[in-house]
Amino acid sequence: MFTGTLVVDVLLGDVHSLKGKRAVVRPIVAELRRRYAVSAAEVGDNDLHRRAQLGIATVAGDAAHVTDVLDTCERWVAGRPEVDLLSTRRQLFSSSD
């Protein structure tokens, strides 16, 4: 069993309040969950209105499948016109770790 995590740091476009930030971040998180069957949440930069860190996690029996899912999620977030992808961090864990 393998678990993979991906943290993406994004810069939000024309957002001037935390309410505006929520209006951008919530649909992205919901779509990641729906489309890719992953766990997703805003995990950092909660008090900044133009930055967000999104955490994405998935579990599978094969490390290659975990990597493929996280690659797909990263490409999808990077392609969103309302955000600019600044950086990503990944970790892969095995059940034997």
Protein backbone atom coordinates (compact mmCIF):
# COMPACT_ATOMS: atom_id res chain seq x y z
CA MET A 1 0.00 0.00 0.00
CA PHE A 2 1.34 3.41 -0.96
CA THR A 3 0.28 6.88 0.13
CA GLY A 4 1.26 10.00 -1.75
CA THR A 5 0.91 13.61 -0.73
CA LEU A 6 1.24 16.74 -2.82
CA VAL A 7 1.27 20.28 -1.47
CA VAL A 8 0.83 23.01 -4.06
CA ASP A 9 1.52 26.66 -3.33
CA VAL A 10 -0.58 28.94 -5.51
CA LEU A 11 -0.91 32.67 -6.05
CA LEU A 12 -4.50 33.77 -6.56
CA GLY A 13 -5.40 36.32 -9.19
CA ASP A 14 -7.65 39.30 -8.56
CA VAL A 15 -8.58 38.52 -4.93
CA HIS A 16 -8.86 41.27 -2.31
CA SER A 17 -10.39 39.53 0.70
CA LEU A 18 -10.53 36.20 2.50
CA LYS A 19 -14.11 35.84 1.26
CA GLY A 20 -12.86 36.23 -2.31
CA LYS A 21 -10.13 33.70 -1.60
CA ARG A 22 -12.70 31.15 -0.41
CA ALA A 23 -14.70 31.71 -3.59
CA VAL A 24 -11.66 30.65 -5.64
CA VAL A 25 -10.20 27.90 -3.41
CA ARG A 26 -13.38 25.98 -2.51
CA PRO A 27 -14.35 25.08 -6.09
CA ILE A 28 -10.80 23.94 -6.86
CA VAL A 29 -10.71 21.69 -3.78
CA ALA A 30 -14.19 20.32 -4.53
CA GLU A 31 -13.31 19.57 -8.15
CA LEU A 32 -10.07 17.79 -7.17
CA ARG A 33 -12.05 15.58 -4.80
CA ARG A 34 -14.78 14.88 -7.33
CA ARG A 35 -12.69 14.40 -10.44
CA TYR A 36 -9.73 12.45 -9.05
CA ALA A 37 -11.13 10.80 -5.88
CA VAL A 38 -8.38 12.29 -3.71
CA SER A 39 -8.38 13.96 -0.33
CA ALA A 40 -7.89 17.69 -0.81
CA ALA A 41 -7.97 20.71 1.49
CA GLU A 42 -6.50 24.15 2.01
CA VAL A 43 -3.60 23.44 4.37
CA GLY A 44 -1.64 26.68 4.65
CA ASP A 45 -1.49 30.43 4.19
CA ASN A 46 -5.00 30.65 5.67
CA ASP A 47 -4.59 34.29 6.73
CA LEU A 48 -3.22 35.55 3.39
CA HIS A 49 -5.80 36.51 0.79
CA ARG A 50 -3.66 36.10 -2.35
CA ARG A 51 -1.83 32.87 -1.45
CA ALA A 52 -3.03 29.37 -0.72
CA GLN A 53 -1.46 26.02 -0.03
CA LEU A 54 -3.53 23.05 -1.11
CA GLY A 55 -2.84 19.57 0.20
CA ILE A 56 -3.74 16.55 -1.91
CA ALA A 57 -3.40 12.92 -0.79
CA THR A 58 -4.17 9.57 -2.34
CA VAL A 59 -3.70 5.89 -1.50
CA ALA A 60 -3.19 2.97 -3.90
CA GLY A 61 -1.63 -0.46 -4.05
CA ASP A 62 0.91 0.65 -6.64
CA ALA A 63 3.43 3.50 -6.31
CA ALA A 64 3.16 4.25 -10.04
CA HIS A 65 -0.60 4.77 -9.73
CA VAL A 66 -0.10 7.18 -6.81
CA THR A 67 2.46 9.11 -8.86
CA ASP A 68 0.15 9.23 -11.89
CA VAL A 69 -2.77 10.58 -9.83
CA LEU A 70 -0.62 13.27 -8.21
CA ASP A 71 0.89 14.23 -11.59
CA THR A 72 -2.60 14.61 -13.02
CA CYS A 73 -3.75 16.72 -10.07
CA GLU A 74 -0.68 18.96 -10.36
CA ARG A 75 -1.25 19.51 -14.09
CA TRP A 76 -4.93 20.26 -13.48
CA VAL A 77 -4.16 22.88 -10.79
CA ALA A 78 -1.40 24.40 -12.95
CA GLY A 79 -3.90 24.76 -15.80
CA ARG A 80 -6.44 26.72 -13.75
CA PRO A 81 -6.61 30.29 -15.11
CA GLU A 82 -7.49 31.83 -11.71
CA VAL A 83 -4.25 30.68 -10.02
CA ASP A 84 -0.52 30.68 -10.71
CA LEU A 85 1.33 27.60 -9.49
CA LEU A 86 4.37 28.73 -7.48
CA SER A 87 5.77 25.47 -6.12
CA THR A 88 4.99 21.87 -5.25
CA ARG A 89 6.21 19.36 -2.67
CA ARG A 90 5.65 15.62 -2.85
CA GLN A 91 6.08 12.69 -0.54
CA LEU A 92 5.51 9.01 -1.15
CA PHE A 93 5.08 6.59 1.72
CA SER A 94 5.00 2.81 1.67
CA SER A 95 3.11 0.72 4.22
CA SER A 96 6.49 -0.80 5.10
CA ASP A 97 7.91 2.62 6.15
